[in-house]
């Protein structure tokens, strides 16, 4: 196998592929990237057996063949070569010779025949969506996913398709974000799937061109998404996402309207002296006033008061400051709308006009 390629053509897809490859592998060959050359195309594949990325690059005057090379070493070589370099790749038995100008490298390789196949079931459902729209939905929800929770379905993101409506939901059990939007075309079906945490984070990194049209194919076990010259595949979480609809079936106080910047700055300042582990702050809401306060085990205290329009019964409720900040930061409007449940269990954070995005944070005990 031989081919010549420009550094810039190879570097970006190689970086995208290497990001899914775990540094520590149970199978040594999974630390490698599979390289397959056919007449006029170069195909690069990387996987951890849960996620796979395949990149196809057009090349000329190549000798067909296949081999697997150490992914990170290959990436570092390409990355550190001068911009615009021409890379010559030549397979010689179980070694690969890489040369560019005066630089020469020799890498020990493993045969392509031993590279594990990414198992996929038949993908019966399809939908199309704009990459910019999908990335916006992911950016509004991803940060709420749990990390290494024993309720493994929370370590992922729910994608709900109902004909022409798309809904994304993420929660770690303490907060919940929901993003809804219309799709360009109706799908004619209803489906709920759960993306794994690592898979959806890696997919989000690939959505760097907002004008691209994505094509997705999925079953109850797998999903495959076509992004320009990339094919992203992932195994889905085999579980049922909890029914979050009950959180809406509560009695609420009158919504409180507050300038986003004022609230964000006040929360940021008060949070400085909150308990480093729990980040707890207390909100005391009374007529025309929102008082934000905190203290920590070192007996430091902070307090800030914000003027509001509120005429109902006083409320005292505590939250994780970072959860509130995350929610407020993701609001696009100038005003934030805070709606507290009368049983002091949660707070809804929305935009004044009907928007696609809702955020719910559960209260905490201090």
Protein backbone atom coordinates (compact mmCIF):
# COMPACT_ATOMS: atom_id res chain seq x y z
CA UNK A 1 0.00 0.00 0.00
CA UNK A 2 1.28 3.44 -1.00
CA UNK A 3 -0.20 6.90 -1.21
CA UNK A 4 0.75 10.59 -1.12
CA UNK A 5 -1.47 13.13 0.63
CA UNK A 6 -1.34 16.76 1.73
CA UNK A 7 -0.99 17.24 5.49
CA UNK A 8 -4.12 19.45 5.74
CA UNK A 9 -6.33 16.87 4.02
CA UNK A 10 -5.29 14.20 6.52
CA UNK A 11 -4.93 16.11 9.79
CA UNK A 12 -8.54 17.14 10.59
CA UNK A 13 -10.20 13.74 9.96
CA UNK A 14 -7.36 12.03 11.83
CA UNK A 15 -7.89 14.32 14.85
CA UNK A 16 -11.64 13.59 14.80
CA UNK A 17 -11.04 9.84 14.71
CA UNK A 18 -8.34 9.76 17.40
CA UNK A 19 -10.67 11.58 19.83
CA UNK A 20 -12.90 8.48 20.12
CA UNK A 21 -9.96 6.09 20.67
CA UNK A 22 -9.38 5.39 24.38
CA UNK A 23 -5.80 5.77 25.60
CA UNK A 24 -6.00 2.52 27.55
CA UNK A 25 -7.39 -0.41 25.61
CA UNK A 26 -8.03 -4.04 26.50
CA UNK A 27 -7.20 -4.91 22.87
CA UNK A 28 -3.95 -3.34 21.58
CA UNK A 29 -5.33 -3.03 18.03
CA UNK A 30 -8.04 -0.63 19.29
CA UNK A 31 -5.26 1.90 19.91
CA UNK A 32 -4.68 1.87 16.16
CA UNK A 33 -6.46 3.56 13.28
CA UNK A 34 -7.49 1.32 10.38
CA UNK A 35 -6.27 2.63 7.02
CA UNK A 36 -7.80 1.20 3.84
CA UNK A 37 -6.74 2.47 0.42
CA UNK A 38 -8.74 1.71 -2.68
CA UNK A 39 -8.21 3.07 -6.19
CA UNK A 40 -9.03 6.71 -5.53
CA UNK A 41 -10.04 6.86 -1.86
CA UNK A 42 -8.44 6.67 1.57
CA UNK A 43 -10.65 5.39 4.41
CA UNK A 44 -9.67 5.97 8.06
CA UNK A 45 -11.53 4.18 10.90
CA UNK A 46 -11.27 4.50 14.67
CA UNK A 47 -13.42 2.84 17.33
CA UNK A 48 -13.68 1.90 21.00
CA UNK A 49 -16.40 -0.67 20.09
CA UNK A 50 -19.08 1.68 21.48
CA UNK A 51 -18.45 4.57 19.07
CA UNK A 52 -16.93 4.54 15.61
CA UNK A 53 -15.88 7.29 13.20
CA UNK A 54 -15.06 6.59 9.56
CA UNK A 55 -13.53 9.30 7.35
CA UNK A 56 -13.25 9.05 3.56
CA UNK A 57 -10.73 11.17 1.67
CA UNK A 58 -10.24 11.36 -2.10
CA UNK A 59 -6.67 10.68 -3.22
CA UNK A 60 -4.90 10.06 -6.52
CA UNK A 61 -2.29 7.59 -7.76
CA UNK A 62 -2.43 5.24 -4.77
CA UNK A 63 -1.57 1.55 -4.41
CA UNK A 64 -4.47 -0.29 -2.71
CA UNK A 65 -4.03 -2.08 0.61
CA UNK A 66 -4.96 -2.02 4.30
CA UNK A 67 -3.11 -1.79 7.63
CA UNK A 68 -3.61 -0.44 11.17
CA UNK A 69 -1.15 2.12 12.58
CA UNK A 70 -0.75 3.51 16.14
CA UNK A 71 -3.31 6.31 16.14
CA UNK A 72 -1.74 8.87 18.47
CA UNK A 73 1.79 8.46 17.10
CA UNK A 74 0.50 8.84 13.55
CA UNK A 75 -1.49 11.95 14.56
CA UNK A 76 1.49 13.53 16.36
CA UNK A 77 3.71 12.99 13.31
CA UNK A 78 1.18 14.63 10.99
CA UNK A 79 0.43 17.44 13.43
CA UNK A 80 4.08 18.40 13.93
CA UNK A 81 5.01 18.42 10.24
CA UNK A 82 5.12 21.89 8.62
CA UNK A 83 1.87 23.34 7.23
CA UNK A 84 1.31 22.37 3.61
CA UNK A 85 3.66 19.37 3.78
CA UNK A 86 3.22 16.45 1.43
CA UNK A 87 3.14 13.13 3.29
CA UNK A 88 4.31 9.91 1.63
CA UNK A 89 2.93 6.73 3.18
CA UNK A 90 4.49 3.37 2.25
CA UNK A 91 3.59 -0.01 3.82
CA UNK A 92 6.44 -2.53 3.98
CA UNK A 93 5.28 -5.80 5.57
CA UNK A 94 4.43 -5.03 9.23
CA UNK A 95 6.03 -1.57 9.12
CA UNK A 96 4.88 1.73 7.67
CA UNK A 97 7.36 4.29 6.34
CA UNK A 98 6.17 7.89 6.58
CA UNK A 99 8.26 10.61 4.94
CA UNK A 100 7.90 14.33 4.28
CA UNK A 101 10.75 16.47 2.96
CA UNK A 102 13.69 15.57 5.23
CA UNK A 103 11.57 13.88 7.91
CA UNK A 104 11.37 10.08 7.96
CA UNK A 105 9.49 7.81 10.37
CA UNK A 106 8.96 4.08 10.69
CA UNK A 107 5.96 2.74 12.64
CA UNK A 108 5.30 -0.83 13.76
CA UNK A 109 1.80 -1.87 12.68
CA UNK A 110 -0.81 -4.58 13.17
CA UNK A 111 -2.62 -6.39 10.32
CA UNK A 112 -5.99 -4.99 9.21
CA UNK A 113 -7.56 -8.48 9.29
CA UNK A 114 -7.46 -8.39 13.11
CA UNK A 115 -9.33 -5.06 13.37
CA UNK A 116 -12.69 -5.71 15.10
CA UNK A 117 -15.87 -5.11 13.14
CA UNK A 118 -18.32 -2.58 14.61
CA UNK A 119 -21.52 -4.56 15.08
CA UNK A 120 -24.72 -2.82 13.96
CA UNK A 121 -28.29 -4.03 13.73
CA UNK A 122 -30.52 -3.14 10.79
CA UNK A 123 -31.19 0.62 10.91
CA UNK A 124 -34.86 0.97 10.00
CA UNK A 125 -35.56 4.64 10.90
CA UNK A 126 -34.20 7.72 9.10
CA UNK A 127 -34.38 11.48 9.60
CA UNK A 128 -32.70 14.58 8.16
CA UNK A 129 -31.74 17.63 10.22
CA UNK A 130 -29.64 20.76 9.80
CA UNK A 131 -26.31 20.50 11.67
CA UNK A 132 -26.56 24.03 13.09
CA UNK A 133 -30.03 23.36 14.50
CA UNK A 134 -28.94 20.03 16.01
CA UNK A 135 -25.79 21.52 17.54
CA UNK A 136 -27.82 24.33 19.13
CA UNK A 137 -30.12 21.73 20.70
CA UNK A 138 -27.14 19.75 22.00
CA UNK A 139 -25.40 22.82 23.43
CA UNK A 140 -28.56 23.67 25.40
CA UNK A 141 -28.88 20.20 26.96
CA UNK A 142 -25.57 18.28 27.06
CA UNK A 143 -24.24 19.87 30.25
CA UNK A 144 -27.12 18.41 32.29
CA UNK A 145 -26.17 14.77 31.67
CA UNK A 146 -25.01 12.73 34.63
CA UNK A 147 -21.46 11.40 34.78
CA UNK A 148 -20.95 7.83 36.05
CA UNK A 149 -24.36 7.67 37.73
CA UNK A 150 -25.53 4.18 38.73
CA UNK A 151 -28.78 5.02 36.88
CA UNK A 152 -26.92 4.56 33.61
CA UNK A 153 -29.75 5.98 31.48
CA UNK A 154 -28.98 9.38 33.04
CA UNK A 155 -25.41 9.14 31.67
CA UNK A 156 -26.82 9.99 28.28
CA UNK A 157 -29.24 12.16 26.36
CA UNK A 158 -32.81 11.35 25.33
CA UNK A 159 -33.70 12.04 21.70
CA UNK A 160 -37.46 11.98 21.11
CA UNK A 161 -38.82 12.24 17.56
CA UNK A 162 -42.55 12.71 17.05
CA UNK A 163 -43.13 13.06 13.31
CA UNK A 164 -41.79 16.59 12.62
CA UNK A 165 -40.98 17.51 16.26
CA UNK A 166 -37.61 16.93 17.85
CA UNK A 167 -37.13 16.92 21.63
CA UNK A 168 -33.83 16.54 23.50
CA UNK A 169 -33.78 15.90 27.25
CA UNK A 170 -30.86 15.59 29.67
CA UNK A 171 -30.83 15.24 33.45
CA UNK A 172 -28.49 14.21 36.25
CA UNK A 173 -31.35 13.82 38.74
CA UNK A 174 -30.76 17.30 40.21
CA UNK A 175 -31.55 19.38 37.14
CA UNK A 176 -33.24 18.87 33.80
CA UNK A 177 -32.98 20.63 30.45
CA UNK A 178 -35.47 20.24 27.61
CA UNK A 179 -35.08 21.56 24.08
CA UNK A 180 -37.81 21.26 21.44
CA UNK A 181 -37.75 22.28 17.80
CA UNK A 182 -39.43 21.58 14.48
CA UNK A 183 -37.68 19.45 11.88
CA UNK A 184 -37.61 20.38 8.20
CA UNK A 185 -39.43 17.20 7.17
CA UNK A 186 -41.93 14.93 8.90
CA UNK A 187 -40.67 11.44 9.68
CA UNK A 188 -44.03 9.67 9.96
CA UNK A 189 -42.99 7.85 13.13
CA UNK A 190 -42.46 8.34 16.87
CA UNK A 191 -39.28 7.10 18.54
CA UNK A 192 -37.28 7.57 21.75
CA UNK A 193 -33.59 6.68 21.92
CA UNK A 194 -30.84 7.39 24.46
CA UNK A 195 -27.41 8.48 23.22
CA UNK A 196 -24.47 7.44 25.44
CA UNK A 197 -22.62 10.29 27.14
CA UNK A 198 -19.31 9.90 25.31
CA UNK A 199 -21.03 9.36 21.98
CA UNK A 200 -23.12 12.52 22.08
CA UNK A 201 -20.16 14.64 23.28
CA UNK A 202 -18.01 13.35 20.40
CA UNK A 203 -20.84 13.90 17.92
CA UNK A 204 -21.23 17.50 19.10
CA UNK A 205 -17.54 18.14 18.33
CA UNK A 206 -18.07 17.02 14.73
CA UNK A 207 -20.85 19.54 14.06
CA UNK A 208 -18.55 22.41 13.09
CA UNK A 209 -20.40 23.50 9.92
CA UNK A 210 -23.91 24.86 10.67
CA UNK A 211 -25.02 24.65 7.04
CA UNK A 212 -24.50 20.90 6.59
CA UNK A 213 -27.49 18.58 6.29
CA UNK A 214 -27.18 15.53 8.53
CA UNK A 215 -28.66 12.19 7.63
CA UNK A 216 -29.31 9.85 10.57
CA UNK A 217 -30.27 6.18 10.50
CA UNK A 218 -31.10 4.36 13.71
CA UNK A 219 -32.64 1.32 15.36
CA UNK A 220 -33.32 0.63 19.02
CA UNK A 221 -29.65 -0.38 19.47
CA UNK A 222 -27.55 1.70 17.08
CA UNK A 223 -27.38 5.03 15.29
CA UNK A 224 -25.36 6.09 12.25
CA UNK A 225 -25.03 9.74 11.20
CA UNK A 226 -23.53 10.96 7.91
CA UNK A 227 -21.65 14.29 8.24
CA UNK A 228 -19.99 15.38 4.97
CA UNK A 229 -17.14 12.88 4.49
CA UNK A 230 -17.60 11.32 7.96
CA UNK A 231 -19.77 8.45 9.16
CA UNK A 232 -20.40 8.52 12.93
CA UNK A 233 -21.80 5.36 14.55
CA UNK A 234 -22.72 4.67 18.17
CA UNK A 235 -24.38 1.99 20.26
CA UNK A 236 -27.43 3.35 22.08
CA UNK A 237 -28.27 2.95 25.77
CA UNK A 238 -30.61 0.00 26.18
CA UNK A 239 -32.98 1.44 28.76
CA UNK A 240 -36.12 3.50 29.25
CA UNK A 241 -35.77 7.16 30.16
CA UNK A 242 -37.75 8.16 33.28
CA UNK A 243 -41.05 10.01 32.90
CA UNK A 244 -40.15 13.64 33.57
CA UNK A 245 -43.68 14.90 32.79
CA UNK A 246 -44.68 14.77 36.48
CA UNK A 247 -42.46 17.74 37.29
CA UNK A 248 -44.86 19.95 35.30
CA UNK A 249 -47.87 18.71 37.27
CA UNK A 250 -47.32 21.00 40.27
CA UNK A 251 -48.77 24.20 41.70
CA UNK A 252 -46.51 27.20 41.07
CA UNK A 253 -46.08 30.72 42.40
CA UNK A 254 -46.37 33.70 40.07
CA UNK A 255 -43.37 33.91 37.70
CA UNK A 256 -40.61 36.37 38.61
CA UNK A 257 -39.00 38.40 35.80
CA UNK A 258 -35.41 39.49 36.29
CA UNK A 259 -32.63 40.82 34.06
CA UNK A 260 -30.38 37.94 33.08
CA UNK A 261 -27.13 39.89 33.49
CA UNK A 262 -28.10 41.19 36.96
CA UNK A 263 -29.06 37.70 38.17
CA UNK A 264 -25.98 36.06 36.68
CA UNK A 265 -23.58 38.58 38.21
CA UNK A 266 -25.25 38.39 41.63
CA UNK A 267 -25.14 34.57 41.64
CA UNK A 268 -21.49 34.59 40.54
CA UNK A 269 -20.43 36.95 43.31
CA UNK A 270 -22.33 35.18 46.10
CA UNK A 271 -21.15 31.73 44.92
CA UNK A 272 -17.54 32.73 45.68
CA UNK A 273 -18.13 32.08 49.38
CA UNK A 274 -20.41 29.05 49.04
CA UNK A 275 -19.36 25.60 50.24
CA UNK A 276 -16.80 24.39 47.66
CA UNK A 277 -18.33 20.91 47.49
CA UNK A 278 -22.07 21.61 47.45
CA UNK A 279 -22.15 25.20 46.07
CA UNK A 280 -25.33 25.84 48.08
CA UNK A 281 -26.98 29.27 48.10
CA UNK A 282 -30.28 30.41 49.64
CA UNK A 283 -32.89 32.53 47.87
CA UNK A 284 -35.21 34.55 50.11
CA UNK A 285 -38.04 35.94 48.00
CA UNK A 286 -40.35 38.53 49.48
CA UNK A 287 -42.34 41.49 48.21
CA UNK A 288 -40.15 43.43 45.69
CA UNK A 289 -36.93 41.72 46.82
CA UNK A 290 -34.80 38.66 45.98
CA UNK A 291 -32.05 38.10 48.55
CA UNK A 292 -29.26 35.68 47.60
CA UNK A 293 -27.04 34.51 50.46
CA UNK A 294 -24.57 31.81 51.41
CA UNK A 295 -22.05 30.74 54.04
CA UNK A 296 -19.34 28.09 54.27
CA UNK A 297 -17.61 25.95 56.94
CA UNK A 298 -14.95 28.68 57.33
CA UNK A 299 -17.78 30.99 58.52
CA UNK A 300 -17.48 33.28 55.51
CA UNK A 301 -20.75 34.86 54.40
CA UNK A 302 -22.06 36.62 51.31
CA UNK A 303 -25.35 38.34 50.57
CA UNK A 304 -26.79 40.25 47.63
CA UNK A 305 -30.20 41.80 47.10
CA UNK A 306 -31.96 42.24 43.75
CA UNK A 307 -35.15 44.26 43.16
CA UNK A 308 -38.03 42.23 41.64
CA UNK A 309 -41.79 42.45 41.09
CA UNK A 310 -43.39 39.85 43.36
CA UNK A 311 -46.63 40.11 45.38
CA UNK A 312 -47.24 36.56 46.68
CA UNK A 313 -46.25 34.80 49.91
CA UNK A 314 -42.55 34.86 50.85
CA UNK A 315 -40.41 31.89 49.75
CA UNK A 316 -37.12 30.58 51.12
CA UNK A 317 -35.45 27.95 48.96
CA UNK A 318 -31.89 26.70 48.42
CA UNK A 319 -30.12 25.63 45.22
CA UNK A 320 -26.77 24.65 43.83
CA UNK A 321 -25.39 27.97 42.55
CA UNK A 322 -23.62 26.39 39.58
CA UNK A 323 -26.84 24.73 38.38
CA UNK A 324 -28.63 28.09 38.42
CA UNK A 325 -25.72 29.76 36.62
CA UNK A 326 -25.64 27.08 33.93
CA UNK A 327 -29.34 27.59 33.28
CA UNK A 328 -29.21 31.38 33.20
CA UNK A 329 -26.14 31.33 30.93
CA UNK A 330 -28.02 29.27 28.35
CA UNK A 331 -30.91 31.71 28.07
CA UNK A 332 -30.75 33.87 24.93
CA UNK A 333 -33.15 36.63 26.02
CA UNK A 334 -32.26 39.65 28.17
CA UNK A 335 -34.74 38.60 30.86
CA UNK A 336 -34.95 35.35 32.81
CA UNK A 337 -38.25 34.05 34.15
CA UNK A 338 -38.06 32.14 37.47
CA UNK A 339 -41.08 30.08 38.46
CA UNK A 340 -40.95 28.33 41.85
CA UNK A 341 -43.04 25.31 42.80
CA UNK A 342 -45.24 25.96 45.85
CA UNK A 343 -43.89 22.84 47.56
CA UNK A 344 -40.36 24.34 47.22
CA UNK A 345 -39.16 21.31 45.26
CA UNK A 346 -37.96 23.02 42.09
CA UNK A 347 -37.54 26.15 40.01
CA UNK A 348 -38.30 26.54 36.30
CA UNK A 349 -36.02 28.92 34.38
CA UNK A 350 -37.39 30.13 31.04
CA UNK A 351 -37.35 33.02 28.60
CA UNK A 352 -40.21 35.59 28.64
CA UNK A 353 -41.45 34.69 25.16
CA UNK A 354 -42.39 31.11 24.40
CA UNK A 355 -39.05 29.50 23.54
CA UNK A 356 -37.77 26.07 22.61
CA UNK A 357 -35.74 25.76 25.79
CA UNK A 358 -36.74 24.97 29.41
CA UNK A 359 -34.54 24.35 32.39
CA UNK A 360 -35.59 22.89 35.74
CA UNK A 361 -33.38 22.78 38.81
CA UNK A 362 -34.31 20.87 41.95
CA UNK A 363 -33.92 22.52 45.34
CA UNK A 364 -31.44 21.32 47.96
CA UNK A 365 -31.26 21.26 51.75
CA UNK A 366 -28.63 23.36 53.44
